[in-house]
Protein backbone atom coordinates (compact mmCIF):
# COMPACT_ATOMS: atom_id res chain seq x y z
CA MET A 1 0.07 -0.19 -0.22
CA GLY A 2 3.09 2.20 0.11
CA ASP A 3 2.66 4.90 2.80
CA ALA A 4 -1.12 5.44 2.00
CA ARG A 5 -2.87 5.72 5.90
CA MET A 6 -6.20 4.56 5.99
CA GLU A 7 -8.89 4.76 8.34
CA HIS A 8 -10.08 1.40 8.39
CA GLU A 9 -6.30 -0.47 7.95
CA ARG A 10 -6.89 -2.82 10.73
CA GLU A 11 -10.23 -3.84 9.08
CA LEU A 12 -8.69 -4.67 5.55
CA ARG A 13 -5.35 -6.11 7.00
CA PHE A 14 -7.77 -8.92 9.04
CA ALA A 15 -9.75 -9.48 5.78
CA GLN A 16 -6.40 -10.14 3.97
CA LYS A 17 -5.12 -12.46 6.26
CA LEU A 18 -8.75 -14.15 6.56
CA LEU A 19 -8.84 -14.57 2.53
CA ASP A 20 -5.48 -15.94 2.55
CA ASN A 21 -6.27 -19.08 4.44
CA PHE A 22 -8.35 -19.87 1.54
CA PHE A 23 -6.05 -18.71 -0.96
CA LEU A 24 -8.00 -16.13 -2.17
CA PRO A 25 -5.52 -13.19 -2.43
CA MET A 26 -7.11 -9.58 -1.66
CA SER A 27 -4.10 -6.88 -3.21
CA LEU A 28 -4.15 -3.18 -2.10
CA LEU A 29 -3.57 -0.78 -4.83
CA CYS A 30 -2.39 2.78 -4.36
CA ALA A 31 -1.30 5.43 -6.69
CA GLY A 32 2.05 5.96 -7.93
CA GLU A 33 3.19 2.16 -6.73
CA GLY A 34 5.81 0.91 -9.12
CA GLU A 35 6.20 -2.64 -10.24
CA ALA A 36 8.39 -3.76 -6.93
CA GLU A 37 4.93 -4.06 -5.27
CA ARG A 38 3.90 -7.79 -4.98
CA ILE A 39 0.34 -8.11 -6.19
CA PRO A 40 -0.95 -11.65 -6.00
CA SER A 41 -3.64 -11.15 -8.27
CA LEU A 42 -1.09 -10.49 -11.48
CA GLU A 43 1.53 -12.41 -10.17
CA MET A 44 0.55 -15.48 -12.53
CA ARG A 45 -1.14 -13.49 -15.17
CA ARG A 46 2.01 -12.25 -16.28
CA LEU A 47 3.50 -15.57 -17.03
CA LEU A 48 0.70 -15.70 -19.68
CA GLN A 49 0.10 -11.61 -20.45
CA PRO A 50 3.62 -10.51 -20.02
CA GLY A 51 2.61 -6.65 -20.83
CA ILE A 52 -0.01 -6.33 -17.83
CA SER A 53 1.44 -3.65 -15.19
CA VAL A 54 0.11 -2.54 -11.99
CA ARG A 55 0.05 1.26 -12.71
CA GLU A 56 -2.36 0.01 -15.75
CA VAL A 57 -4.69 -2.04 -13.35
CA TYR A 58 -4.79 0.81 -10.95
CA ALA A 59 -5.38 3.58 -13.92
CA GLN A 60 -8.41 1.55 -15.11
CA LEU A 61 -10.01 0.41 -11.91
CA ALA A 62 -9.56 3.70 -9.54
CA PRO A 63 -12.29 6.09 -11.99
CA LEU A 64 -14.61 2.93 -11.62
CA CYS A 65 -14.96 1.98 -8.02
CA LYS A 66 -17.41 4.28 -5.95
CA PRO A 67 -18.25 3.65 -2.25
CA GLY A 68 -20.65 1.29 -1.68
CA VAL A 69 -20.08 -1.09 -4.66
CA ILE A 70 -18.40 -4.49 -5.12
CA TYR A 71 -17.54 -4.68 -8.84
CA ARG A 72 -17.38 -8.48 -10.31
CA TYR A 73 -15.90 -9.10 -13.53
CA GLN A 74 -14.02 -11.96 -15.53
CA ASP A 75 -10.95 -11.82 -17.19
CA GLU A 76 -10.16 -13.51 -20.76
CA LEU A 77 -9.40 -17.22 -19.04
CA ASP A 78 -13.11 -17.17 -17.45
CA CYS A 79 -11.39 -16.54 -13.62
CA ASN A 80 -13.77 -14.14 -11.57
CA LEU A 81 -12.32 -11.28 -9.76
CA LEU A 82 -14.13 -8.44 -7.02
CA CYS A 83 -12.54 -4.96 -7.07
CA PHE A 84 -14.08 -1.85 -5.12
CA GLN A 85 -12.87 1.22 -3.02
CA ALA A 86 -10.90 0.42 0.18
CA ALA A 87 -10.41 4.29 0.94
CA GLY A 88 -11.43 7.55 -0.81
CA GLY A 89 -9.98 10.77 -1.34
CA ASP A 90 -8.36 12.27 -4.41
CA ALA A 91 -6.01 8.94 -4.83
CA PRO A 92 -8.41 6.00 -3.79
CA VAL A 93 -6.94 3.01 -2.44
CA ILE A 94 -8.35 0.07 -4.42
CA ALA A 95 -8.88 -3.59 -3.29
CA VAL A 96 -8.90 -6.75 -5.54
CA VAL A 97 -9.84 -10.14 -4.77
CA GLY A 98 -8.82 -12.93 -6.86
CA PRO A 99 -8.60 -14.95 -9.16
CA TYR A 100 -10.72 -17.49 -8.60
CA LEU A 101 -13.42 -20.25 -10.24
CA LEU A 102 -16.97 -20.94 -9.47
CA GLN A 103 -16.43 -24.21 -12.27
CA PRO A 104 -14.02 -27.05 -11.81
CA VAL A 105 -11.48 -27.16 -14.68
CA THR A 106 -12.59 -29.43 -17.42
CA ASP A 107 -10.83 -30.55 -20.61
CA ALA A 108 -13.69 -28.14 -22.26
CA LEU A 109 -12.81 -25.08 -20.05
CA LEU A 110 -9.01 -25.80 -21.04
CA ARG A 111 -8.97 -26.19 -24.62
CA ALA A 112 -11.80 -23.32 -24.62
CA ASN A 113 -9.30 -20.77 -23.44
CA ALA A 114 -6.55 -22.47 -24.89
CA ALA A 115 -8.09 -21.55 -28.68
CA LYS A 116 -7.84 -18.14 -27.39
CA PHE A 117 -3.96 -18.00 -28.31
CA PRO A 118 -2.20 -18.28 -31.56
CA GLN A 119 -0.63 -21.91 -30.82
CA PRO A 120 -3.64 -23.50 -28.31
CA GLU A 121 -1.76 -27.14 -28.21
CA ARG A 122 1.42 -25.36 -27.14
CA ILE A 123 -0.11 -23.35 -24.58
CA LEU A 124 -2.30 -26.19 -23.14
CA PRO A 125 0.20 -27.64 -20.27
CA SER A 126 0.99 -24.54 -19.12
CA LEU A 127 -2.57 -23.18 -18.90
CA GLU A 128 -3.67 -26.56 -16.96
CA LYS A 129 -1.04 -25.48 -14.43
CA TYR A 130 -1.49 -21.87 -14.30
CA TYR A 131 -5.76 -22.92 -13.74
CA ARG A 132 -4.46 -24.96 -10.97
CA GLU A 133 -3.03 -22.02 -9.13
CA VAL A 134 -6.46 -20.65 -9.29
CA PRO A 135 -8.75 -21.24 -6.16
CA HIS A 136 -12.06 -23.18 -7.15
CA LEU A 137 -14.93 -22.21 -4.84
CA GLU A 138 -17.88 -24.25 -4.43
CA ASN A 139 -20.27 -21.44 -3.09
CA GLU A 140 -19.34 -17.83 -3.53
CA ASN A 141 -21.82 -16.82 -0.89
CA GLN A 142 -19.45 -16.95 2.10
CA LEU A 143 -16.71 -14.92 0.40
CA LEU A 144 -19.85 -12.28 -0.45
CA VAL A 145 -21.04 -12.22 3.00
CA LEU A 146 -17.54 -11.42 4.51
CA LEU A 147 -17.11 -8.50 1.78
CA TYR A 148 -20.61 -7.27 2.74
CA THR A 149 -19.39 -7.45 6.61
CA LEU A 150 -15.82 -5.43 5.62
CA GLY A 151 -17.89 -2.81 3.26
CA GLY A 152 -20.21 -1.88 5.88
CA GLU A 153 -17.60 -0.97 8.05
CA LEU A 154 -15.81 0.64 5.19
CA TRP A 155 -18.85 2.78 3.73
CA GLY A 156 -21.27 2.61 6.80
CA GLY A 157 -24.18 1.77 4.98
CA GLY A 158 -25.60 -0.97 2.11
CA VAL A 159 -23.51 -2.74 -0.09
CA THR A 160 -24.27 -3.68 -3.65
CA VAL A 161 -22.59 -6.07 -6.27
CA GLU A 162 -22.38 -4.69 -9.63
CA GLU A 163 -21.38 -7.39 -12.82
CA ILE A 164 -19.07 -5.35 -15.06
CA ALA A 165 -17.12 -6.24 -18.31
CA ASN A 166 -13.49 -6.96 -18.05
CA PRO A 167 -12.40 -3.34 -17.20
CA LEU A 168 -8.60 -4.24 -18.18
CA GLN A 169 -7.66 -2.93 -21.83
CA SER A 170 -5.22 -5.70 -22.38
CA GLN A 171 -2.75 -7.27 -25.67
CA PRO A 172 -4.16 -10.33 -26.78
CA LEU A 173 -2.77 -13.33 -24.83
CA GLN A 174 0.84 -14.43 -26.04
CA PRO A 175 2.23 -18.02 -25.56
CA GLN A 176 5.86 -16.27 -26.01
CA GLY A 177 5.47 -14.80 -22.18
CA LEU A 178 5.93 -17.93 -20.79
CA ALA A 179 9.74 -17.40 -20.16
CA ARG A 180 12.07 -20.67 -20.11
CA SER A 181 14.99 -21.38 -18.22
CA ALA A 182 18.09 -22.81 -19.40
CA HIS A 183 16.64 -26.96 -18.88
CA GLY A 184 13.44 -25.60 -21.05
CA VAL A 185 10.83 -25.52 -18.12
CA SER A 186 8.55 -22.43 -18.30
CA SER A 187 8.56 -20.28 -15.03
CA LEU A 188 5.06 -21.03 -14.64
CA SER A 189 5.75 -24.50 -14.35
CA ILE A 190 8.65 -23.99 -11.93
CA GLU A 191 6.35 -21.62 -9.93
CA ALA A 192 3.55 -24.32 -9.90
CA LEU A 193 5.76 -26.90 -8.71
CA ALA A 194 7.07 -24.96 -5.65
CA ASN A 195 3.64 -24.22 -4.50
CA ARG A 196 2.11 -27.56 -4.81
CA TYR A 197 5.28 -28.45 -2.53
CA ALA A 198 4.67 -25.86 -0.18
CA ASP A 199 1.18 -26.74 -0.04
CA GLU A 200 1.80 -30.24 0.73
CA GLU A 201 3.92 -29.13 3.70
CA LYS A 202 1.19 -27.01 5.32
CA LEU A 203 -0.74 -30.02 4.88
CA MET A 204 1.21 -32.27 6.78
CA ARG A 205 1.44 -29.38 9.25
CA ALA A 206 -1.86 -29.21 9.24
CA VAL A 207 -2.54 -33.20 9.69
CA SER A 208 0.34 -33.47 12.58
CA ALA A 209 -1.57 -30.89 14.62
CA GLY A 210 -5.37 -32.34 14.01
CA GLN A 211 -6.45 -29.25 12.10
CA ALA A 212 -9.02 -30.86 10.18
CA ASP A 213 -10.58 -27.61 8.96
CA THR A 214 -7.14 -26.19 7.72
CA ALA A 215 -6.09 -29.76 5.89
CA ALA A 216 -9.46 -29.85 4.03
CA VAL A 217 -8.79 -26.39 3.27
CA VAL A 218 -5.13 -27.20 2.12
CA TYR A 219 -5.89 -30.29 0.17
CA ASN A 220 -8.45 -28.44 -1.96
CA ARG A 221 -5.26 -26.55 -3.54
CA PHE A 222 -4.23 -29.78 -5.17
CA SER A 223 -7.46 -31.97 -5.32
CA ALA A 224 -7.53 -34.36 -7.80
CA ARG A 225 -10.05 -32.70 -9.58
CA GLN A 226 -7.18 -30.53 -10.67
CA MET A 227 -4.17 -32.75 -10.54
CA GLU A 228 -2.18 -33.04 -13.81
CA GLN A 229 -1.99 -36.26 -15.17
CA ARG A 230 1.26 -38.01 -15.38
CA THR A 231 0.38 -41.04 -17.13
CA ALA A 232 -1.23 -41.94 -20.15
CA ALA A 233 -3.95 -43.73 -17.90
CA PRO A 234 -5.60 -41.50 -15.70
CA LEU A 235 -6.85 -43.84 -13.26
CA ARG A 236 -3.11 -45.42 -12.59
CA GLY A 237 -1.55 -42.20 -12.61
CA MET A 238 -4.12 -41.26 -9.93
CA LYS A 239 -3.87 -43.83 -7.97
CA ASN A 240 -0.03 -43.47 -7.88
CA TYR A 241 -0.77 -40.05 -6.37
CA PHE A 242 -3.04 -41.17 -3.85
CA ILE A 243 -0.34 -43.97 -2.48
CA VAL A 244 1.95 -40.98 -2.17
CA LEU A 245 -0.62 -39.00 -0.49
CA ASN A 246 -1.08 -42.07 1.94
CA THR A 247 2.07 -42.10 2.75
CA LEU A 248 2.25 -38.25 3.56
CA LEU A 249 -0.43 -38.34 5.91
CA ARG A 250 1.00 -41.26 7.49
CA LYS A 251 3.97 -39.69 8.00
CA ALA A 252 2.08 -36.50 9.45
CA THR A 253 0.10 -38.44 11.83
CA GLU A 254 3.50 -39.74 13.51
CA TYR A 255 5.04 -36.59 13.51
CA GLY A 256 1.81 -35.63 15.51
CA GLN A 257 3.15 -38.16 18.53
CA VAL A 258 0.78 -40.67 17.59
CA PRO A 259 2.02 -44.22 17.74
CA PRO A 260 2.32 -46.66 15.18
CA VAL A 261 -0.36 -49.10 16.16
CA TYR A 262 -3.13 -46.65 15.64
CA ILE A 263 -2.39 -45.71 12.51
CA ASP A 264 -1.53 -49.17 10.57
CA GLY A 265 -5.23 -50.31 10.14
CA LEU A 266 -5.77 -46.80 8.87
CA SER A 267 -3.35 -46.92 6.33
CA SER A 268 -3.91 -50.32 5.08
CA GLU A 269 -7.28 -49.65 4.54
CA LEU A 270 -6.83 -46.44 2.66
CA ALA A 271 -4.04 -48.44 0.40
CA ARG A 272 -6.49 -51.25 -0.05
CA GLN A 273 -9.38 -48.84 -1.30
CA ILE A 274 -6.76 -47.02 -3.28
CA GLU A 275 -6.11 -50.10 -5.45
CA ALA A 276 -9.84 -51.27 -5.57
CA ALA A 277 -10.83 -47.60 -6.57
CA PRO A 278 -12.82 -48.43 -9.78
CA SER A 279 -12.78 -44.75 -11.00
CA THR A 280 -11.07 -41.50 -10.65
CA GLU A 281 -14.44 -40.20 -9.46
CA ALA A 282 -14.18 -42.71 -6.59
CA LEU A 283 -10.62 -41.58 -5.59
CA ARG A 284 -11.90 -37.89 -5.31
CA ALA A 285 -14.20 -38.53 -2.98
CA LEU A 286 -12.02 -40.89 -1.38
CA GLY A 287 -9.30 -38.01 -0.86
CA PRO A 288 -10.77 -35.69 1.90
CA ARG A 289 -12.16 -38.53 3.49
CA MET A 290 -8.41 -39.33 3.91
CA VAL A 291 -7.46 -36.00 5.31
CA ARG A 292 -10.39 -36.26 7.75
CA HIS A 293 -9.41 -39.47 9.17
CA TYR A 294 -5.66 -38.77 9.91
CA CYS A 295 -6.60 -35.78 11.60
CA GLN A 296 -9.01 -37.53 13.72
CA ILE A 297 -6.48 -39.98 14.82
CA VAL A 298 -4.29 -37.03 15.75
CA GLN A 299 -6.90 -35.38 17.56
CA GLU A 300 -7.57 -38.81 19.59
CA PHE A 301 -4.39 -40.64 19.89
CA SER A 302 -1.43 -38.12 20.19
CA ARG A 303 0.81 -39.00 23.35
CA GLU A 304 1.24 -35.38 23.77
CA GLY A 305 0.10 -34.98 27.74
CA HIS A 306 -1.27 -38.33 28.51
CA SER A 307 0.30 -40.29 31.28
CA GLN A 308 2.18 -43.78 30.39
CA LEU A 309 -0.77 -45.52 32.08
CA ILE A 310 -3.60 -43.86 29.68
CA ARG A 311 -1.32 -44.47 26.84
CA LYS A 312 -1.54 -47.77 27.43
CA LEU A 313 -5.13 -47.58 28.01
CA LEU A 314 -5.76 -46.32 24.30
CA MET A 315 -3.53 -48.72 22.68
CA LEU A 316 -5.77 -51.84 24.38
CA VAL A 317 -8.68 -49.83 23.13
CA GLU A 318 -7.39 -49.82 19.68
CA ALA A 319 -6.23 -53.17 19.24
CA ASP A 320 -9.51 -54.94 19.51
CA LEU A 321 -12.53 -52.69 19.62
CA MET A 322 -14.53 -56.24 19.33
CA SER A 323 -13.12 -56.69 22.89
CA ASP A 324 -14.70 -56.21 26.30
CA LEU A 325 -13.59 -52.20 26.94
CA GLY A 326 -15.81 -51.90 29.92
CA LEU A 327 -13.74 -49.86 33.46
CA SER A 328 -13.52 -53.02 35.08
CA ALA A 329 -11.94 -55.18 32.46
CA LEU A 330 -9.35 -52.74 31.13
CA ALA A 331 -8.51 -51.91 34.85
CA ARG A 332 -8.06 -55.66 35.42
CA ALA A 333 -5.87 -55.86 32.19
CA LEU A 334 -3.87 -52.73 33.34
CA ASN A 335 -3.65 -53.93 37.03
CA VAL A 336 -4.90 -50.91 38.31
CA ASN A 337 -7.88 -49.68 40.55
CA SER A 338 -11.14 -48.91 38.40
CA SER A 339 -12.17 -45.93 40.47
CA TYR A 340 -8.52 -44.63 39.73
CA LEU A 341 -8.49 -45.32 36.06
CA SER A 342 -11.66 -43.50 35.71
CA SER A 343 -11.04 -40.65 37.73
CA LEU A 344 -7.18 -40.20 35.53
CA PHE A 345 -9.12 -40.95 32.41
CA LYS A 346 -11.22 -38.36 32.74
CA LYS A 347 -8.81 -35.38 34.02
CA GLU A 348 -6.67 -36.47 30.74
CA MET A 349 -9.08 -37.21 28.12
CA GLY A 350 -11.97 -34.63 29.11
CA MET A 351 -14.63 -37.31 28.99
CA THR A 352 -15.74 -40.65 30.65
CA LEU A 353 -14.11 -44.56 28.94
CA THR A 354 -17.37 -45.22 28.37
CA GLU A 355 -18.09 -41.91 26.27
CA TYR A 356 -14.64 -42.39 24.64
CA VAL A 357 -15.42 -46.00 23.82
CA GLY A 358 -18.50 -45.20 22.15
CA ARG A 359 -17.02 -42.52 20.26
CA ARG A 360 -14.19 -44.99 18.86
CA ARG A 361 -16.49 -47.37 17.79
CA ILE A 362 -18.88 -45.30 15.74
CA ASN A 363 -15.69 -43.50 14.26
CA HIS A 364 -14.41 -47.07 13.48
CA ALA A 365 -18.30 -47.65 12.00
CA LYS A 366 -18.06 -44.34 10.03
CA LEU A 367 -14.70 -45.49 8.22
CA LEU A 368 -16.42 -49.02 7.44
CA LEU A 369 -19.36 -47.63 6.01
CA GLU A 370 -17.32 -44.74 4.02
CA THR A 371 -15.00 -47.47 2.18
CA THR A 372 -16.47 -50.81 2.22
CA GLY A 373 -19.39 -52.55 1.24
CA LEU A 374 -20.12 -54.58 4.03
CA GLN A 375 -23.63 -54.94 5.94
CA ILE A 376 -24.40 -53.26 8.82
CA GLN A 377 -24.77 -56.38 10.95
CA ALA A 378 -21.13 -57.16 9.81
CA ILE A 379 -19.93 -53.64 10.55
CA ALA A 380 -21.90 -53.40 14.08
CA GLN A 381 -19.91 -57.01 15.04
CA GLN A 382 -16.75 -55.26 13.97
CA CYS A 383 -17.52 -52.35 16.01
CA GLY A 384 -18.07 -54.65 19.29
CA ILE A 385 -21.83 -53.72 19.53
CA PRO A 386 -23.28 -56.94 18.11
CA ASP A 387 -26.84 -55.95 18.94
CA VAL A 388 -27.62 -54.46 15.40
CA ASN A 389 -30.67 -52.41 16.88
CA TYR A 390 -28.81 -51.06 19.67
CA PHE A 391 -25.72 -50.45 17.10
CA THR A 392 -28.02 -48.20 14.70
CA ARG A 393 -29.48 -46.15 17.90
CA THR A 394 -25.83 -45.64 19.11
CA PHE A 395 -24.34 -44.42 15.78
CA LYS A 396 -27.81 -42.03 15.71
CA LYS A 397 -27.01 -40.70 18.60
CA TYR A 398 -23.25 -39.79 17.80
CA THR A 399 -24.01 -38.71 14.33
CA GLY A 400 -27.94 -37.62 14.00
CA LEU A 401 -28.17 -40.23 11.04
CA THR A 402 -29.01 -44.15 10.72
CA PRO A 403 -25.78 -45.77 9.74
CA LYS A 404 -27.73 -46.63 6.04
CA GLU A 405 -28.34 -42.58 5.85
CA TYR A 406 -24.98 -42.36 6.42
CA ARG A 407 -23.64 -44.29 4.01
CA THR A 408 -26.07 -42.64 1.30
CA ALA A 409 -25.14 -39.34 2.20
CA GLN A 410 -21.42 -39.99 1.96
CA ARG A 411 -21.76 -41.62 -1.45
CA ALA A 412 -24.00 -39.01 -2.73
CA GLY A 413 -21.39 -36.35 -1.40
């Protein structure tokens, strides 16, 4: 922002950080800023359209943006951007949010936009990498609600959204903008690769901390839908990717100080599911569940803060969910007083042993419902609740759905 002083600078900075968590850049443009200023919304486009400049963008947007209005437009590559006046005066500050996509990247979209270049087939691989770096929003409402709230703070009144044509008068897209290194690799390819490795590192950190929501957001950055096909056989290539992902998630879980005994069963089951997947669509559905289940293991089994006795108890529970896991039986197995064990467990785990065992059995049932075709009766048996009617009531108590309803909902999603 240069030296510009803004009345609502704190609110804008907070909005920037919040959007950054969802990989949505918000740039603040001021008059007189040079090319040294980092503008995330333009960095990728410069690789495709080298003539574009920060000054050009500001000169086009500043006269357009009026208080109380958020302007939405699409660029030449069907990416969405939002712009609005963040601060008024003779030299207003302009905020630009994006780019982002509201539709999945399909072959039809890629080829339609590649056709805008003089040499479509040449640009197609780089264009695919470009799109992979653009966030895909399933629903734009949350973003707009945030900006409505921000706009209310900035302007103190109502906020409207206005659709406009692309305000940037640019030169035709030119593939020669893709600078190549001495090894023949485009700078866009290098940047995309670096971003992918950075996202994988963020994913591992989130999983090792058991941060399921953060991990889900990061995973979406390189989801299977936009994943590069590395082989001529898309299904085999995607399976290979998920095998690597399963290994990364396992390692991240170990970094979260979870003993391997808790990880082996999940890792093996997911490896089996990956190989058995009949289609790329089945793998796409499996990916988010993999991330969620590994995070769940960290939340439940991280050794941090647990005494040796409770660690042993947790291992006994995990080793055989079909066995007698009542307080008396576990106290006998550990050779301790049951009252002492109950009190210590509640202190360290924040719940009773009975509640914990129930949650573990239901979480295991959820995994089996999501990843196998086993009948409900068989799943109930494997979870240590042989009475299928009691199992159904218990499952609904924890999830709000019957096992059949849960399986249907997961497959529909």
